[in-house]
């Protein structure tokens, strides 16, 4: 059985991002850019504007491999940084750096207490829709 972040058909990989932006109830609009990828890699970047004046800065670098005539993609590096329009940080997921004592670079920053609380999240880091679900829960349900 394929894992949550395993290789996926390139077209499916990109369509899922677009579908999340179109269908998620917390999204108001976005300015994500998805330029044509090279044969080896691509990038998705921009802002997702959400209800309650929340902006989710998205940066995803994905790698591509070709198997026969199929192009497959998977996320290599990512950052989902949620903030209020006025600049106050809410949370961030990323794998930009490996924290000491953590087995993988995947971690979550929670800024809601007034300081940066970092939690190692291992290989079960969230997809874009899961980050949006979490933000919606924080803002609308007080989680």
C-alpha atoms as a PDB file:
ATOM      1  CA  UNK A   1       0.000   0.000   0.000  1.00  0.00           C
ATOM      2  CA  UNK A   2       1.361   3.414  -0.971  1.00  0.00           C
ATOM      3  CA  UNK A   3       2.119   5.885   1.804  1.00  0.00           C
ATOM      4  CA  UNK A   4       0.556   9.293   2.272  1.00  0.00           C
ATOM      5  CA  UNK A   5       3.507  11.089   0.659  1.00  0.00           C
ATOM      6  CA  UNK A   6       4.622   8.512  -1.917  1.00  0.00           C
ATOM      7  CA  UNK A   7       4.985   9.139  -5.628  1.00  0.00           C
ATOM      8  CA  UNK A   8       1.811  10.148  -7.451  1.00  0.00           C
ATOM      9  CA  UNK A   9       1.015  10.823 -11.102  1.00  0.00           C
ATOM     10  CA  UNK A  10       2.232  14.375 -11.784  1.00  0.00           C
ATOM     11  CA  UNK A  11      -1.114  15.499 -13.188  1.00  0.00           C
ATOM     12  CA  UNK A  12      -2.973  14.085 -10.163  1.00  0.00           C
ATOM     13  CA  UNK A  13      -0.491  15.745  -7.808  1.00  0.00           C
ATOM     14  CA  UNK A  14      -1.252  19.160  -9.309  1.00  0.00           C
ATOM     15  CA  UNK A  15      -5.007  18.609  -9.714  1.00  0.00           C
ATOM     16  CA  UNK A  16      -5.364  17.739  -6.020  1.00  0.00           C
ATOM     17  CA  UNK A  17      -3.850  21.098  -5.011  1.00  0.00           C
ATOM     18  CA  UNK A  18      -6.220  22.962  -7.327  1.00  0.00           C
ATOM     19  CA  UNK A  19      -9.211  20.963  -6.107  1.00  0.00           C
ATOM     20  CA  UNK A  20      -8.400  21.731  -2.462  1.00  0.00           C
ATOM     21  CA  UNK A  21      -8.220  25.440  -3.229  1.00  0.00           C
ATOM     22  CA  UNK A  22     -11.510  25.340  -5.112  1.00  0.00           C
ATOM     23  CA  UNK A  23     -13.465  23.168  -2.671  1.00  0.00           C
ATOM     24  CA  UNK A  24     -12.196  23.848   0.858  1.00  0.00           C
ATOM     25  CA  UNK A  25     -14.801  25.799   2.891  1.00  0.00           C
ATOM     26  CA  UNK A  26     -12.152  27.902   4.683  1.00  0.00           C
ATOM     27  CA  UNK A  27     -10.564  29.218   1.461  1.00  0.00           C
ATOM     28  CA  UNK A  28     -11.760  32.553   0.086  1.00  0.00           C
ATOM     29  CA  UNK A  29      -9.260  32.907  -2.782  1.00  0.00           C
ATOM     30  CA  UNK A  30      -5.630  32.279  -3.643  1.00  0.00           C
ATOM     31  CA  UNK A  31      -2.781  33.517  -5.780  1.00  0.00           C
ATOM     32  CA  UNK A  32      -0.801  30.283  -5.945  1.00  0.00           C
ATOM     33  CA  UNK A  33       1.500  29.976  -8.907  1.00  0.00           C
ATOM     34  CA  UNK A  34       2.245  26.616 -10.466  1.00  0.00           C
ATOM     35  CA  UNK A  35       4.750  27.241 -13.255  1.00  0.00           C
ATOM     36  CA  UNK A  36       5.473  24.447 -15.737  1.00  0.00           C
ATOM     37  CA  UNK A  37       7.945  22.066 -14.100  1.00  0.00           C
ATOM     38  CA  UNK A  38      11.279  20.947 -15.482  1.00  0.00           C
ATOM     39  CA  UNK A  39      11.828  17.267 -16.179  1.00  0.00           C
ATOM     40  CA  UNK A  40      13.176  16.843 -12.634  1.00  0.00           C
ATOM     41  CA  UNK A  41      11.266  19.248 -10.389  1.00  0.00           C
ATOM     42  CA  UNK A  42       8.616  21.900  -9.909  1.00  0.00           C
ATOM     43  CA  UNK A  43       7.337  24.443  -7.424  1.00  0.00           C
ATOM     44  CA  UNK A  44       4.021  25.657  -6.068  1.00  0.00           C
ATOM     45  CA  UNK A  45       4.074  28.986  -4.247  1.00  0.00           C
ATOM     46  CA  UNK A  46       1.856  31.826  -3.167  1.00  0.00           C
ATOM     47  CA  UNK A  47      -0.798  32.761  -0.664  1.00  0.00           C
ATOM     48  CA  UNK A  48      -4.121  31.205   0.222  1.00  0.00           C
ATOM     49  CA  UNK A  49      -6.515  33.798   1.629  1.00  0.00           C
ATOM     50  CA  UNK A  50      -8.883  32.327   4.189  1.00  0.00           C
ATOM     51  CA  UNK A  51     -11.822  33.465   6.283  1.00  0.00           C
ATOM     52  CA  UNK A  52     -11.144  35.560   9.394  1.00  0.00           C
ATOM     53  CA  UNK A  53      -8.272  37.437   7.674  1.00  0.00           C
ATOM     54  CA  UNK A  54      -5.928  34.447   7.734  1.00  0.00           C
ATOM     55  CA  UNK A  55      -3.289  34.015   5.068  1.00  0.00           C
ATOM     56  CA  UNK A  56      -1.556  30.704   4.457  1.00  0.00           C
ATOM     57  CA  UNK A  57       1.795  31.149   2.726  1.00  0.00           C
ATOM     58  CA  UNK A  58       2.468  27.993   0.701  1.00  0.00           C
ATOM     59  CA  UNK A  59       5.778  26.852  -0.716  1.00  0.00           C
ATOM     60  CA  UNK A  60       6.136  23.339  -2.108  1.00  0.00           C
ATOM     61  CA  UNK A  61       9.090  22.006  -4.055  1.00  0.00           C
ATOM     62  CA  UNK A  62       8.315  18.702  -5.684  1.00  0.00           C
ATOM     63  CA  UNK A  63      10.561  16.244  -7.429  1.00  0.00           C
ATOM     64  CA  UNK A  64       9.662  14.422 -10.608  1.00  0.00           C
ATOM     65  CA  UNK A  65      10.758  11.068 -11.899  1.00  0.00           C
ATOM     66  CA  UNK A  66       9.830   9.416 -15.158  1.00  0.00           C
ATOM     67  CA  UNK A  67       8.909   5.756 -15.239  1.00  0.00           C
ATOM     68  CA  UNK A  68       8.320   4.604 -18.803  1.00  0.00           C
ATOM     69  CA  UNK A  69       6.048   7.296 -20.221  1.00  0.00           C
ATOM     70  CA  UNK A  70       4.615   8.293 -16.827  1.00  0.00           C
ATOM     71  CA  UNK A  71       5.726  11.348 -14.863  1.00  0.00           C
ATOM     72  CA  UNK A  72       5.476  10.914 -11.110  1.00  0.00           C
ATOM     73  CA  UNK A  73       5.778  13.615  -8.444  1.00  0.00           C
ATOM     74  CA  UNK A  74       6.184  13.896  -4.694  1.00  0.00           C
ATOM     75  CA  UNK A  75       6.840  16.752  -2.321  1.00  0.00           C
ATOM     76  CA  UNK A  76      10.495  17.179  -1.414  1.00  0.00           C
ATOM     77  CA  UNK A  77      10.434  20.421   0.609  1.00  0.00           C
ATOM     78  CA  UNK A  78       7.488  22.375   1.915  1.00  0.00           C
ATOM     79  CA  UNK A  79       6.350  25.179   4.173  1.00  0.00           C
ATOM     80  CA  UNK A  80       2.802  26.056   5.183  1.00  0.00           C
ATOM     81  CA  UNK A  81       2.916  29.281   7.225  1.00  0.00           C
ATOM     82  CA  UNK A  82      -0.386  30.540   8.630  1.00  0.00           C
ATOM     83  CA  UNK A  83      -0.634  34.128   9.816  1.00  0.00           C
ATOM     84  CA  UNK A  84      -3.166  36.827  10.357  1.00  0.00           C
ATOM     85  CA  UNK A  85      -3.344  39.550   7.742  1.00  0.00           C
ATOM     86  CA  UNK A  86      -2.005  41.999  10.354  1.00  0.00           C
ATOM     87  CA  UNK A  87       1.168  39.905  10.640  1.00  0.00           C
ATOM     88  CA  UNK A  88       0.541  37.804  13.752  1.00  0.00           C
ATOM     89  CA  UNK A  89       1.808  34.233  13.273  1.00  0.00           C
ATOM     90  CA  UNK A  90      -0.461  31.262  14.001  1.00  0.00           C
ATOM     91  CA  UNK A  91       1.417  28.135  12.963  1.00  0.00           C
ATOM     92  CA  UNK A  92       3.861  26.754  10.427  1.00  0.00           C
ATOM     93  CA  UNK A  93       4.644  23.286   9.149  1.00  0.00           C
ATOM     94  CA  UNK A  94       7.919  22.760   7.320  1.00  0.00           C
ATOM     95  CA  UNK A  95      10.917  20.557   6.710  1.00  0.00           C
ATOM     96  CA  UNK A  96      13.406  23.353   6.106  1.00  0.00           C
ATOM     97  CA  UNK A  97      15.793  22.342   8.865  1.00  0.00           C
ATOM     98  CA  UNK A  98      16.421  19.376  11.123  1.00  0.00           C
ATOM     99  CA  UNK A  99      16.044  20.131  14.823  1.00  0.00           C
ATOM    100  CA  UNK A 100      18.475  18.473  17.202  1.00  0.00           C
ATOM    101  CA  UNK A 101      17.180  15.161  18.507  1.00  0.00           C
ATOM    102  CA  UNK A 102      14.480  14.826  15.849  1.00  0.00           C
ATOM    103  CA  UNK A 103      14.554  11.786  13.561  1.00  0.00           C
ATOM    104  CA  UNK A 104      13.225  13.717  10.537  1.00  0.00           C
ATOM    105  CA  UNK A 105      13.155  17.404   9.553  1.00  0.00           C
ATOM    106  CA  UNK A 106       9.324  17.524   9.594  1.00  0.00           C
ATOM    107  CA  UNK A 107       8.049  19.789  12.350  1.00  0.00           C
ATOM    108  CA  UNK A 108       5.276  22.144  13.427  1.00  0.00           C
ATOM    109  CA  UNK A 109       5.675  25.612  14.892  1.00  0.00           C
ATOM    110  CA  UNK A 110       2.799  26.871  17.051  1.00  0.00           C
ATOM    111  CA  UNK A 111       2.940  30.613  17.811  1.00  0.00           C
ATOM    112  CA  UNK A 112      -0.407  30.972  19.571  1.00  0.00           C
ATOM    113  CA  UNK A 113       1.096  31.045  23.087  1.00  0.00           C
ATOM    114  CA  UNK A 114       3.225  34.065  22.183  1.00  0.00           C
ATOM    115  CA  UNK A 115       6.393  32.095  21.531  1.00  0.00           C
ATOM    116  CA  UNK A 116       7.516  29.449  19.044  1.00  0.00           C
ATOM    117  CA  UNK A 117       6.642  25.956  20.275  1.00  0.00           C
ATOM    118  CA  UNK A 118       8.248  23.370  17.983  1.00  0.00           C
ATOM    119  CA  UNK A 119       6.876  19.830  17.753  1.00  0.00           C
ATOM    120  CA  UNK A 120       8.453  17.007  15.762  1.00  0.00           C
ATOM    121  CA  UNK A 121       5.786  15.435  13.551  1.00  0.00           C
ATOM    122  CA  UNK A 122       7.780  12.674  11.870  1.00  0.00           C
ATOM    123  CA  UNK A 123       6.718  11.333   8.509  1.00  0.00           C
ATOM    124  CA  UNK A 124       3.012  12.074   9.004  1.00  0.00           C
ATOM    125  CA  UNK A 125       3.253  15.737   8.008  1.00  0.00           C
ATOM    126  CA  UNK A 126       0.015  17.231   6.690  1.00  0.00           C
ATOM    127  CA  UNK A 127      -1.239  17.827   3.200  1.00  0.00           C
ATOM    128  CA  UNK A 128      -2.533  21.293   2.300  1.00  0.00           C
ATOM    129  CA  UNK A 129      -6.157  20.339   3.008  1.00  0.00           C
ATOM    130  CA  UNK A 130      -5.217  19.079   6.486  1.00  0.00           C
ATOM    131  CA  UNK A 131      -3.510  22.380   7.337  1.00  0.00           C
ATOM    132  CA  UNK A 132      -6.621  24.229   6.176  1.00  0.00           C
ATOM    133  CA  UNK A 133      -8.791  21.897   8.286  1.00  0.00           C
ATOM    134  CA  UNK A 134      -6.609  22.629  11.318  1.00  0.00           C
ATOM    135  CA  UNK A 135      -6.799  26.400  10.775  1.00  0.00           C
ATOM    136  CA  UNK A 136     -10.552  26.201  10.366  1.00  0.00           C
ATOM    137  CA  UNK A 137     -10.762  24.280  13.651  1.00  0.00           C
ATOM    138  CA  UNK A 138      -8.585  26.812  15.449  1.00  0.00           C
ATOM    139  CA  UNK A 139     -10.527  29.833  14.235  1.00  0.00           C
ATOM    140  CA  UNK A 140     -14.111  28.588  13.996  1.00  0.00           C
ATOM    141  CA  UNK A 141     -14.162  25.849  16.624  1.00  0.00           C
ATOM    142  CA  UNK A 142     -11.572  27.193  19.087  1.00  0.00           C
ATOM    143  CA  UNK A 143      -9.396  24.067  19.006  1.00  0.00           C
END
